[in-house]
Amino acid sequence: MEKRTVLYMLDPMPHNSPFDINMAIDADYDVVLPFNHVKLDDINALTQDAIFSRGPQGTKHTGMFIGGRDIGLAMQMLDAAQKAMVPPFQVSVMADPSGGFTTAAALVALVEKELKDKHGMGLQGARAVVFGGTGPVGIATGVLAALCGAETTIADHASLDNALEKAETYGRLFDTRLEGTCASSEADKAHLLHNADVVFCTAKAGIQVLKAAVLAEAKQLKVAGDVNAVPPLGIEGIKMKDLGAPLKHAVNSPGAVGIGSLAIGDFKYKLQHTLLRQLLIQDEPLFVDFRQALAEARRLLGT
């Protein structure tokens, strides 16, 4: 009899995300087992308990999911799980803390597609600004944009030191270059927008980051994406379902378009669902972070 499919959901936080649990159930896992308060030192033992108890064939019906809110810790846990495998006892592992990896991958892939479709260019050489760039989604977005060749600045709303520290830490970790800055005033935001080709808005929900007057300062803006679905939305003028709609307040950037939170969220849902299912259908184990998520997002979009 074929073994049932099992997903172990490992989370350092007090509670596992109901969103991620629902996603796993909707991806047709037979059994979903949440573990919380998981420490990095626990990963080796948990992984080896999972692989040796099911046999080489059973591991093909087994996956692991790493959550939490700290993307650095999630990457360490993913690495520790991979190192704990003992071929042929190996399971696939996916990291997606706060849903940040799949959200960032969906956002970057959609912006990249609009850049190509509407402006005939990619992220290579583009100037990108990530507002809310020191949170989990913002950091992952910034790193992906930088790895795609964009000159990328992550902006913190209050602390220059935090932005600089995050830019240096994650730039070094992923062998790319990030700039960090503070955007606490409308003047700061206008200055950042002046020469930006791309804007990613990943700031806290319910905060309007870019008002119409600030958008008017953009001189060469081409695409702006906003993940905030809680009013007021992060970028004035972008509607939640917009996908390449004209960005009317960017009056000095002809051809600028916007991508709204529901368009990003719908695609993020499809991407996470696809990746969770892929953990069970590969001949060789998958180890998925935001880079593999972007590759899959591009495949789904045909770019």
C-alpha atoms as a PDB file:
ATOM      1  CA  MET A   1       0.000   0.000   0.000  1.00  0.00           C
ATOM      2  CA  GLU A   2       1.319   3.415  -0.952  1.00  0.00           C
ATOM      3  CA  LYS A   3       2.278   5.565   1.980  1.00  0.00           C
ATOM      4  CA  ARG A   4       0.279   8.688   2.776  1.00  0.00           C
ATOM      5  CA  THR A   5       1.794  12.078   1.992  1.00  0.00           C
ATOM      6  CA  VAL A   6       3.097  13.972   5.026  1.00  0.00           C
ATOM      7  CA  LEU A   7       4.281  17.568   5.467  1.00  0.00           C
ATOM      8  CA  TYR A   8       6.190  18.534   8.598  1.00  0.00           C
ATOM      9  CA  MET A   9       5.813  22.284   9.239  1.00  0.00           C
ATOM     10  CA  LEU A  10       8.692  23.574  11.368  1.00  0.00           C
ATOM     11  CA  ASP A  11       8.347  27.027  12.895  1.00  0.00           C
ATOM     12  CA  PRO A  12      10.480  28.859  15.477  1.00  0.00           C
ATOM     13  CA  MET A  13       7.489  31.024  16.481  1.00  0.00           C
ATOM     14  CA  PRO A  14       4.926  30.133  19.185  1.00  0.00           C
ATOM     15  CA  HIS A  15       2.309  29.365  16.526  1.00  0.00           C
ATOM     16  CA  ASN A  16       2.423  28.080  12.978  1.00  0.00           C
ATOM     17  CA  SER A  17       0.786  30.267  10.358  1.00  0.00           C
ATOM     18  CA  PRO A  18      -2.838  29.246   9.640  1.00  0.00           C
ATOM     19  CA  PHE A  19      -2.277  30.580   6.108  1.00  0.00           C
ATOM     20  CA  ASP A  20       0.575  28.112   5.507  1.00  0.00           C
ATOM     21  CA  ILE A  21      -1.330  25.243   7.100  1.00  0.00           C
ATOM     22  CA  ASN A  22      -4.315  25.921   4.848  1.00  0.00           C
ATOM     23  CA  MET A  23      -2.010  26.087   1.825  1.00  0.00           C
ATOM     24  CA  ALA A  24      -0.545  22.692   2.699  1.00  0.00           C
ATOM     25  CA  ILE A  25      -3.991  21.149   3.116  1.00  0.00           C
ATOM     26  CA  ASP A  26      -5.131  22.632  -0.196  1.00  0.00           C
ATOM     27  CA  ALA A  27      -2.009  21.175  -1.836  1.00  0.00           C
ATOM     28  CA  ASP A  28      -3.503  17.754  -0.996  1.00  0.00           C
ATOM     29  CA  TYR A  29      -1.136  16.521   1.687  1.00  0.00           C
ATOM     30  CA  ASP A  30      -2.814  13.696   3.565  1.00  0.00           C
ATOM     31  CA  VAL A  31      -1.238  14.652   6.883  1.00  0.00           C
ATOM     32  CA  VAL A  32       0.000  18.105   7.945  1.00  0.00           C
ATOM     33  CA  LEU A  33       1.982  18.190  11.206  1.00  0.00           C
ATOM     34  CA  PRO A  34       2.821  21.606  12.706  1.00  0.00           C
ATOM     35  CA  PHE A  35       5.806  21.946  15.063  1.00  0.00           C
ATOM     36  CA  ASN A  36       6.382  25.261  16.838  1.00  0.00           C
ATOM     37  CA  HIS A  37       9.156  26.719  19.028  1.00  0.00           C
ATOM     38  CA  VAL A  38      11.613  24.846  16.801  1.00  0.00           C
ATOM     39  CA  LYS A  39      15.251  25.877  17.303  1.00  0.00           C
ATOM     40  CA  LEU A  40      18.050  25.660  14.781  1.00  0.00           C
ATOM     41  CA  ASP A  41      19.710  22.975  16.886  1.00  0.00           C
ATOM     42  CA  ASP A  42      16.539  20.852  16.582  1.00  0.00           C
ATOM     43  CA  ILE A  43      16.606  20.625  12.797  1.00  0.00           C
ATOM     44  CA  ASN A  44      19.126  17.792  12.443  1.00  0.00           C
ATOM     45  CA  ALA A  45      17.289  15.420  14.770  1.00  0.00           C
ATOM     46  CA  LEU A  46      13.841  16.282  13.430  1.00  0.00           C
ATOM     47  CA  THR A  47      14.986  15.788   9.847  1.00  0.00           C
ATOM     48  CA  GLN A  48      16.610  12.446  10.519  1.00  0.00           C
ATOM     49  CA  ASP A  49      13.597  11.213  12.481  1.00  0.00           C
ATOM     50  CA  ALA A  50      11.471  12.098   9.447  1.00  0.00           C
ATOM     51  CA  ILE A  51      13.674  10.426   6.832  1.00  0.00           C
ATOM     52  CA  PHE A  52      14.655   7.193   8.550  1.00  0.00           C
ATOM     53  CA  SER A  53      11.129   6.336   9.697  1.00  0.00           C
ATOM     54  CA  ARG A  54       9.672   6.184   6.176  1.00  0.00           C
ATOM     55  CA  GLY A  55      12.304   4.376   4.117  1.00  0.00           C
ATOM     56  CA  PRO A  56      13.746   5.523   0.772  1.00  0.00           C
ATOM     57  CA  GLN A  57      10.392   5.201  -1.007  1.00  0.00           C
ATOM     58  CA  GLY A  58       8.438   6.765   1.826  1.00  0.00           C
ATOM     59  CA  THR A  59      10.602   9.868   1.748  1.00  0.00           C
ATOM     60  CA  LYS A  60       9.259  10.605  -1.744  1.00  0.00           C
ATOM     61  CA  HIS A  61       5.880  11.137  -0.052  1.00  0.00           C
ATOM     62  CA  THR A  62       7.320  13.373   2.652  1.00  0.00           C
ATOM     63  CA  GLY A  63       8.105  17.075   2.714  1.00  0.00           C
ATOM     64  CA  MET A  64       9.278  19.692   5.195  1.00  0.00           C
ATOM     65  CA  PHE A  65       8.246  23.347   5.374  1.00  0.00           C
ATOM     66  CA  ILE A  66      10.158  26.010   7.322  1.00  0.00           C
ATOM     67  CA  GLY A  67       8.253  29.077   8.457  1.00  0.00           C
ATOM     68  CA  GLY A  68       8.804  31.794  11.047  1.00  0.00           C
ATOM     69  CA  ARG A  69       9.550  35.485  10.474  1.00  0.00           C
ATOM     70  CA  ASP A  70      13.355  35.620  10.315  1.00  0.00           C
ATOM     71  CA  ILE A  71      14.630  34.953   6.795  1.00  0.00           C
ATOM     72  CA  GLY A  72      18.214  34.541   7.957  1.00  0.00           C
ATOM     73  CA  LEU A  73      17.170  31.860  10.454  1.00  0.00           C
ATOM     74  CA  ALA A  74      14.960  30.190   7.850  1.00  0.00           C
ATOM     75  CA  MET A  75      17.920  29.949   5.478  1.00  0.00           C
ATOM     76  CA  GLN A  76      20.056  28.447   8.259  1.00  0.00           C
ATOM     77  CA  MET A  77      17.338  25.911   9.004  1.00  0.00           C
ATOM     78  CA  LEU A  78      17.029  25.025   5.321  1.00  0.00           C
ATOM     79  CA  ASP A  79      20.784  24.492   5.123  1.00  0.00           C
ATOM     80  CA  ALA A  80      20.778  22.392   8.309  1.00  0.00           C
ATOM     81  CA  ALA A  81      17.967  20.198   6.978  1.00  0.00           C
ATOM     82  CA  GLN A  82      19.794  19.652   3.703  1.00  0.00           C
ATOM     83  CA  LYS A  83      22.984  18.681   5.540  1.00  0.00           C
ATOM     84  CA  ALA A  84      21.035  16.215   7.706  1.00  0.00           C
ATOM     85  CA  MET A  85      19.983  14.103   4.719  1.00  0.00           C
ATOM     86  CA  VAL A  86      21.554  10.666   4.298  1.00  0.00           C
ATOM     87  CA  PRO A  87      21.032   9.454   0.698  1.00  0.00           C
ATOM     88  CA  PRO A  88      18.913   7.623  -0.303  1.00  0.00           C
ATOM     89  CA  PHE A  89      16.959   8.870   2.723  1.00  0.00           C
ATOM     90  CA  GLN A  90      16.123  12.400   1.560  1.00  0.00           C
ATOM     91  CA  VAL A  91      13.033  14.591   1.605  1.00  0.00           C
ATOM     92  CA  SER A  92      12.290  17.883  -0.127  1.00  0.00           C
ATOM     93  CA  VAL A  93      12.341  21.046   1.992  1.00  0.00           C
ATOM     94  CA  MET A  94      10.794  24.461   1.349  1.00  0.00           C
ATOM     95  CA  ALA A  95      11.454  27.652   3.320  1.00  0.00           C
ATOM     96  CA  ASP A  96       8.919  30.482   3.182  1.00  0.00           C
ATOM     97  CA  PRO A  97       9.052  32.573   6.399  1.00  0.00           C
ATOM     98  CA  SER A  98       6.036  34.873   6.733  1.00  0.00           C
ATOM     99  CA  GLY A  99       5.188  33.850   3.179  1.00  0.00           C
ATOM    100  CA  GLY A 100       7.956  36.293   2.319  1.00  0.00           C
ATOM    101  CA  PHE A 101       9.828  34.151  -0.165  1.00  0.00           C
ATOM    102  CA  THR A 102       6.846  33.338  -2.372  1.00  0.00           C
ATOM    103  CA  THR A 103       5.443  36.878  -2.045  1.00  0.00           C
ATOM    104  CA  ALA A 104       8.785  38.407  -3.031  1.00  0.00           C
ATOM    105  CA  ALA A 105       9.203  35.988  -5.925  1.00  0.00           C
ATOM    106  CA  ALA A 106       5.688  36.708  -7.192  1.00  0.00           C
ATOM    107  CA  LEU A 107       6.218  40.468  -6.886  1.00  0.00           C
ATOM    108  CA  VAL A 108       9.583  40.512  -8.634  1.00  0.00           C
ATOM    109  CA  ALA A 109       8.452  38.175 -11.414  1.00  0.00           C
ATOM    110  CA  LEU A 110       5.334  40.249 -12.139  1.00  0.00           C
ATOM    111  CA  VAL A 111       7.279  43.517 -12.140  1.00  0.00           C
ATOM    112  CA  GLU A 112       9.900  41.972 -14.407  1.00  0.00           C
ATOM    113  CA  LYS A 113       7.195  40.827 -16.834  1.00  0.00           C
ATOM    114  CA  GLU A 114       5.610  44.298 -16.968  1.00  0.00           C
ATOM    115  CA  LEU A 115       9.034  45.844 -17.551  1.00  0.00           C
ATOM    116  CA  LYS A 116       9.563  43.538 -20.524  1.00  0.00           C
ATOM    117  CA  ASP A 117       6.047  43.781 -21.929  1.00  0.00           C
ATOM    118  CA  LYS A 118       5.556  47.541 -21.520  1.00  0.00           C
ATOM    119  CA  HIS A 119       9.099  48.919 -21.687  1.00  0.00           C
ATOM    120  CA  GLY A 120      11.198  46.316 -23.480  1.00  0.00           C
ATOM    121  CA  MET A 121      13.703  45.913 -20.640  1.00  0.00           C
ATOM    122  CA  GLY A 122      14.454  43.662 -17.704  1.00  0.00           C
ATOM    123  CA  LEU A 123      15.758  44.327 -14.223  1.00  0.00           C
ATOM    124  CA  GLN A 124      19.382  44.227 -15.374  1.00  0.00           C
ATOM    125  CA  GLY A 125      20.699  47.776 -14.967  1.00  0.00           C
ATOM    126  CA  ALA A 126      17.390  49.149 -13.662  1.00  0.00           C
ATOM    127  CA  ARG A 127      17.283  51.341 -10.569  1.00  0.00           C
ATOM    128  CA  ALA A 128      15.013  49.785  -7.964  1.00  0.00           C
ATOM    129  CA  VAL A 129      13.796  51.041  -4.593  1.00  0.00           C
ATOM    130  CA  VAL A 130      12.150  48.792  -1.992  1.00  0.00           C
ATOM    131  CA  PHE A 131      10.030  50.711   0.511  1.00  0.00           C
ATOM    132  CA  GLY A 132       9.548  48.667   3.662  1.00  0.00           C
ATOM    133  CA  GLY A 133      12.780  47.045   2.583  1.00  0.00           C
ATOM    134  CA  THR A 134      13.958  45.835   5.990  1.00  0.00           C
ATOM    135  CA  GLY A 135      11.044  43.463   6.679  1.00  0.00           C
ATOM    136  CA  PRO A 136      10.989  39.800   5.555  1.00  0.00           C
ATOM    137  CA  VAL A 137       9.248  40.461   2.217  1.00  0.00           C
ATOM    138  CA  GLY A 138      11.270  43.611   1.584  1.00  0.00           C
ATOM    139  CA  ILE A 139      14.629  41.958   2.179  1.00  0.00           C
ATOM    140  CA  ALA A 140      13.776  38.992  -0.035  1.00  0.00           C
ATOM    141  CA  THR A 141      12.482  41.350  -2.728  1.00  0.00           C
ATOM    142  CA  GLY A 142      15.596  43.499  -2.551  1.00  0.00           C
ATOM    143  CA  VAL A 143      17.948  40.538  -2.770  1.00  0.00           C
ATOM    144  CA  LEU A 144      16.059  39.073  -5.744  1.00  0.00           C
ATOM    145  CA  ALA A 145      16.053  42.399  -7.586  1.00  0.00           C
ATOM    146  CA  ALA A 146      19.786  42.795  -6.943  1.00  0.00           C
ATOM    147  CA  LEU A 147      20.499  39.236  -8.094  1.00  0.00           C
ATOM    148  CA  CYS A 148      18.580  40.072 -11.290  1.00  0.00           C
ATOM    149  CA  GLY A 149      21.001  42.930 -11.906  1.00  0.00           C
ATOM    150  CA  ALA A 150      19.080  45.921 -10.573  1.00  0.00           C
ATOM    151  CA  GLU A 151      20.814  48.697  -8.649  1.00  0.00           C
ATOM    152  CA  THR A 152      18.738  48.144  -5.536  1.00  0.00           C
ATOM    153  CA  THR A 153      18.131  50.299  -2.475  1.00  0.00           C
ATOM    154  CA  ILE A 154      16.188  49.035   0.533  1.00  0.00           C
ATOM    155  CA  ALA A 155      14.526  51.828   2.523  1.00  0.00           C
ATOM    156  CA  ASP A 156      13.583  51.744   6.193  1.00  0.00           C
ATOM    157  CA  HIS A 157      10.898  54.210   7.317  1.00  0.00           C
ATOM    158  CA  ALA A 158      12.679  55.212  10.525  1.00  0.00           C
ATOM    159  CA  SER A 159      16.230  53.921  10.948  1.00  0.00           C
ATOM    160  CA  LEU A 160      19.209  54.481   8.679  1.00  0.00           C
ATOM    161  CA  ASP A 161      21.352  52.183  10.829  1.00  0.00           C
ATOM    162  CA  ASN A 162      18.872  49.332  10.455  1.00  0.00           C
ATOM    163  CA  ALA A 163      18.730  49.772   6.672  1.00  0.00           C
ATOM    164  CA  LEU A 164      22.518  49.864   6.362  1.00  0.00           C
ATOM    165  CA  GLU A 165      22.928  46.813   8.600  1.00  0.00           C
ATOM    166  CA  LYS A 166      20.315  44.783   6.688  1.00  0.00           C
ATOM    167  CA  ALA A 167      21.779  45.801   3.318  1.00  0.00           C
ATOM    168  CA  GLU A 168      25.288  44.795   4.358  1.00  0.00           C
ATOM    169  CA  THR A 169      24.222  41.538   6.047  1.00  0.00           C
ATOM    170  CA  TYR A 170      21.996  40.197   3.283  1.00  0.00           C
ATOM    171  CA  GLY A 171      24.150  41.520   0.466  1.00  0.00           C
ATOM    172  CA  ARG A 172      27.057  39.569   1.912  1.00  0.00           C
ATOM    173  CA  LEU A 173      24.948  36.473   2.628  1.00  0.00           C
ATOM    174  CA  PHE A 174      23.720  36.232  -0.970  1.00  0.00           C
ATOM    175  CA  ASP A 175      26.818  37.599  -2.690  1.00  0.00           C
ATOM    176  CA  THR A 176      25.152  40.651  -4.150  1.00  0.00           C
ATOM    177  CA  ARG A 177      25.049  44.394  -3.537  1.00  0.00           C
ATOM    178  CA  LEU A 178      22.319  46.260  -1.687  1.00  0.00           C
ATOM    179  CA  GLU A 179      22.186  49.890  -0.659  1.00  0.00           C
ATOM    180  CA  GLY A 180      20.398  50.929   2.527  1.00  0.00           C
ATOM    181  CA  THR A 181      18.741  54.227   3.352  1.00  0.00           C
ATOM    182  CA  CYS A 182      16.092  55.880   5.503  1.00  0.00           C
ATOM    183  CA  ALA A 183      12.912  57.360   3.999  1.00  0.00           C
ATOM    184  CA  SER A 184      11.161  58.994   6.931  1.00  0.00           C
ATOM    185  CA  SER A 185       9.921  62.130   5.161  1.00  0.00           C
ATOM    186  CA  GLU A 186       8.114  62.950   1.952  1.00  0.00           C
ATOM    187  CA  ALA A 187      11.282  64.684   0.770  1.00  0.00           C
ATOM    188  CA  ASP A 188      13.306  61.488   1.357  1.00  0.00           C
ATOM    189  CA  LYS A 189      10.818  59.477  -0.675  1.00  0.00           C
ATOM    190  CA  ALA A 190      10.741  62.033  -3.495  1.00  0.00           C
ATOM    191  CA  HIS A 191      14.526  61.967  -3.668  1.00  0.00           C
ATOM    192  CA  LEU A 192      14.551  58.171  -3.970  1.00  0.00           C
ATOM    193  CA  LEU A 193      11.844  58.221  -6.644  1.00  0.00           C
ATOM    194  CA  HIS A 194      13.517  60.875  -8.768  1.00  0.00           C
ATOM    195  CA  ASN A 195      15.621  58.424 -10.804  1.00  0.00           C
ATOM    196  CA  ALA A 196      13.939  55.124  -9.948  1.00  0.00           C
ATOM    197  CA  ASP A 197      12.856  52.778 -12.740  1.00  0.00           C
ATOM    198  CA  VAL A 198      11.087  50.359 -10.395  1.00  0.00           C
ATOM    199  CA  VAL A 199       9.388  50.695  -7.023  1.00  0.00           C
ATOM    200  CA  PHE A 200       8.513  47.779  -4.779  1.00  0.00           C
ATOM    201  CA  CYS A 201       6.250  48.697  -1.868  1.00  0.00           C
ATOM    202  CA  THR A 202       6.456  46.023   0.847  1.00  0.00           C
ATOM    203  CA  ALA A 203       5.783  48.225   3.865  1.00  0.00           C
ATOM    204  CA  LYS A 204       3.504  47.463   6.807  1.00  0.00           C
ATOM    205  CA  ALA A 205      -0.159  46.955   5.926  1.00  0.00           C
ATOM    206  CA  GLY A 206      -2.480  49.928   6.235  1.00  0.00           C
ATOM    207  CA  ILE A 207       0.174  52.601   5.686  1.00  0.00           C
ATOM    208  CA  GLN A 208       0.194  54.782   2.576  1.00  0.00           C
ATOM    209  CA  VAL A 209       3.868  55.097   1.701  1.00  0.00           C
ATOM    210  CA  LEU A 210       3.734  56.967  -1.606  1.00  0.00           C
ATOM    211  CA  LYS A 211       1.187  59.731  -2.051  1.00  0.00           C
ATOM    212  CA  ALA A 212       0.284  61.349  -5.351  1.00  0.00           C
ATOM    213  CA  ALA A 213       2.502  64.375  -4.754  1.00  0.00           C
ATOM    214  CA  VAL A 214       5.530  62.141  -4.199  1.00  0.00           C
ATOM    215  CA  LEU A 215       4.792  60.003  -7.250  1.00  0.00           C
ATOM    216  CA  ALA A 216       4.766  63.164  -9.331  1.00  0.00           C
ATOM    217  CA  GLU A 217       8.458  63.586  -8.502  1.00  0.00           C
ATOM    218  CA  ALA A 218       9.374  60.384 -10.358  1.00  0.00           C
ATOM    219  CA  LYS A 219      11.070  61.185 -13.681  1.00  0.00           C
ATOM    220  CA  GLN A 220      11.598  57.732 -15.178  1.00  0.00           C
ATOM    221  CA  LEU A 221       9.384  55.350 -13.208  1.00  0.00           C
ATOM    222  CA  LYS A 222       8.264  52.379 -15.263  1.00  0.00           C
ATOM    223  CA  VAL A 223       6.663  49.850 -12.908  1.00  0.00           C
ATOM    224  CA  ALA A 224       5.470  50.015  -9.294  1.00  0.00           C
ATOM    225  CA  GLY A 225       4.202  47.033  -7.293  1.00  0.00           C
ATOM    226  CA  ASP A 226       2.360  47.248  -3.963  1.00  0.00           C
ATOM    227  CA  VAL A 227       1.711  44.208  -1.727  1.00  0.00           C
ATOM    228  CA  ASN A 228      -0.467  46.086   0.807  1.00  0.00           C
ATOM    229  CA  ALA A 229      -4.100  44.941   0.698  1.00  0.00           C
ATOM    230  CA  VAL A 230      -5.260  46.868   3.795  1.00  0.00           C
ATOM    231  CA  PRO A 231      -6.581  50.435   3.213  1.00  0.00           C
ATOM    232  CA  PRO A 232      -5.064  52.894   2.807  1.00  0.00           C
ATOM    233  CA  LEU A 233      -3.053  51.086   0.159  1.00  0.00           C
ATOM    234  CA  GLY A 234       0.699  51.595   0.010  1.00  0.00           C
ATOM    235  CA  ILE A 235       0.841  53.500  -3.283  1.00  0.00           C
ATOM    236  CA  GLU A 236      -1.865  56.032  -4.036  1.00  0.00           C
ATOM    237  CA  GLY A 237      -3.639  55.341  -7.290  1.00  0.00           C
ATOM    238  CA  ILE A 238      -2.878  51.625  -7.577  1.00  0.00           C
ATOM    239  CA  LYS A 239      -5.994  49.485  -7.224  1.00  0.00           C
ATOM    240  CA  MET A 240      -5.740  46.051  -5.663  1.00  0.00           C
ATOM    241  CA  LYS A 241      -6.569  44.181  -8.892  1.00  0.00           C
ATOM    242  CA  ASP A 242      -4.354  46.314 -11.149  1.00  0.00           C
ATOM    243  CA  LEU A 243      -1.936  44.352 -13.313  1.00  0.00           C
ATOM    244  CA  GLY A 244      -0.119  46.741 -15.600  1.00  0.00           C
ATOM    245  CA  ALA A 245      -2.689  49.543 -15.285  1.00  0.00           C
ATOM    246  CA  PRO A 246      -1.464  53.108 -15.967  1.00  0.00           C
ATOM    247  CA  LEU A 247      -0.065  54.795 -12.850  1.00  0.00           C
ATOM    248  CA  LYS A 248      -1.944  58.061 -13.210  1.00  0.00           C
ATOM    249  CA  HIS A 249      -0.208  59.990 -10.424  1.00  0.00           C
ATOM    250  CA  ALA A 250       3.242  59.424 -11.957  1.00  0.00           C
ATOM    251  CA  VAL A 251       2.568  62.339 -14.262  1.00  0.00           C
ATOM    252  CA  ASN A 252       6.221  62.904 -15.157  1.00  0.00           C
ATOM    253  CA  SER A 253       6.852  59.244 -16.025  1.00  0.00           C
ATOM    254  CA  PRO A 254       4.882  58.494 -19.199  1.00  0.00           C
ATOM    255  CA  GLY A 255       4.029  54.821 -19.513  1.00  0.00           C
ATOM    256  CA  ALA A 256       4.430  54.007 -15.815  1.00  0.00           C
ATOM    257  CA  VAL A 257       2.198  51.121 -14.721  1.00  0.00           C
ATOM    258  CA  GLY A 258       1.152  49.638 -11.404  1.00  0.00           C
ATOM    259  CA  ILE A 259       0.577  46.165  -9.960  1.00  0.00           C
ATOM    260  CA  GLY A 260      -1.833  45.826  -7.047  1.00  0.00           C
ATOM    261  CA  SER A 261      -1.888  43.605  -4.003  1.00  0.00           C
ATOM    262  CA  LEU A 262      -4.590  41.187  -5.144  1.00  0.00           C
ATOM    263  CA  ALA A 263      -2.871  40.606  -8.484  1.00  0.00           C
ATOM    264  CA  ILE A 264       0.342  39.844  -6.587  1.00  0.00           C
ATOM    265  CA  GLY A 265      -1.491  37.811  -3.941  1.00  0.00           C
ATOM    266  CA  ASP A 266      -3.361  35.670  -6.454  1.00  0.00           C
ATOM    267  CA  PHE A 267      -0.113  34.808  -8.188  1.00  0.00           C
ATOM    268  CA  LYS A 268       1.695  34.230  -4.871  1.00  0.00           C
ATOM    269  CA  TYR A 269      -1.056  31.748  -3.925  1.00  0.00           C
ATOM    270  CA  LYS A 270      -0.626  29.878  -7.207  1.00  0.00           C
ATOM    271  CA  LEU A 271       3.157  29.872  -6.791  1.00  0.00           C
ATOM    272  CA  GLN A 272       3.139  28.573  -3.222  1.00  0.00           C
ATOM    273  CA  HIS A 273       0.566  25.917  -4.118  1.00  0.00           C
ATOM    274  CA  THR A 274       2.692  24.762  -7.059  1.00  0.00           C
ATOM    275  CA  LEU A 275       5.894  24.608  -5.009  1.00  0.00           C
ATOM    276  CA  LEU A 276       4.247  22.667  -2.177  1.00  0.00           C
ATOM    277  CA  ARG A 277       2.974  20.083  -4.652  1.00  0.00           C
ATOM    278  CA  GLN A 278       6.358  19.883  -6.363  1.00  0.00           C
ATOM    279  CA  LEU A 279       7.947  18.731  -3.108  1.00  0.00           C
ATOM    280  CA  LEU A 280       6.254  15.375  -3.704  1.00  0.00           C
ATOM    281  CA  ILE A 281       6.707  14.800  -7.428  1.00  0.00           C
ATOM    282  CA  GLN A 282      10.442  15.180  -8.021  1.00  0.00           C
ATOM    283  CA  ASP A 283      12.802  12.234  -8.448  1.00  0.00           C
ATOM    284  CA  GLU A 284      15.502  14.179  -6.601  1.00  0.00           C
ATOM    285  CA  PRO A 285      14.823  16.218  -3.450  1.00  0.00           C
ATOM    286  CA  LEU A 286      14.138  19.926  -3.810  1.00  0.00           C
ATOM    287  CA  PHE A 287      15.501  22.582  -1.471  1.00  0.00           C
ATOM    288  CA  VAL A 288      13.447  25.714  -2.092  1.00  0.00           C
ATOM    289  CA  ASP A 289      14.171  29.275  -1.012  1.00  0.00           C
ATOM    290  CA  PHE A 290      13.212  32.566  -2.710  1.00  0.00           C
ATOM    291  CA  ARG A 291      15.645  31.998  -5.600  1.00  0.00           C
ATOM    292  CA  GLN A 292      14.002  28.731  -6.622  1.00  0.00           C
ATOM    293  CA  ALA A 293      10.628  30.389  -6.034  1.00  0.00           C
ATOM    294  CA  LEU A 294      11.533  33.123  -8.535  1.00  0.00           C
ATOM    295  CA  ALA A 295      12.613  30.543 -11.093  1.00  0.00           C
ATOM    296  CA  GLU A 296       9.251  28.801 -10.741  1.00  0.00           C
ATOM    297  CA  ALA A 297       7.382  32.108 -10.881  1.00  0.00           C
ATOM    298  CA  ARG A 298       9.105  32.924 -14.158  1.00  0.00           C
ATOM    299  CA  ARG A 299       8.178  29.488 -15.509  1.00  0.00           C
ATOM    300  CA  LEU A 300       4.536  29.994 -14.574  1.00  0.00           C
ATOM    301  CA  LEU A 301       4.524  33.398 -16.300  1.00  0.00           C
ATOM    302  CA  GLY A 302       6.372  32.089 -19.352  1.00  0.00           C
ATOM    303  CA  THR A 303       9.184  34.628 -18.985  1.00  0.00           C
END
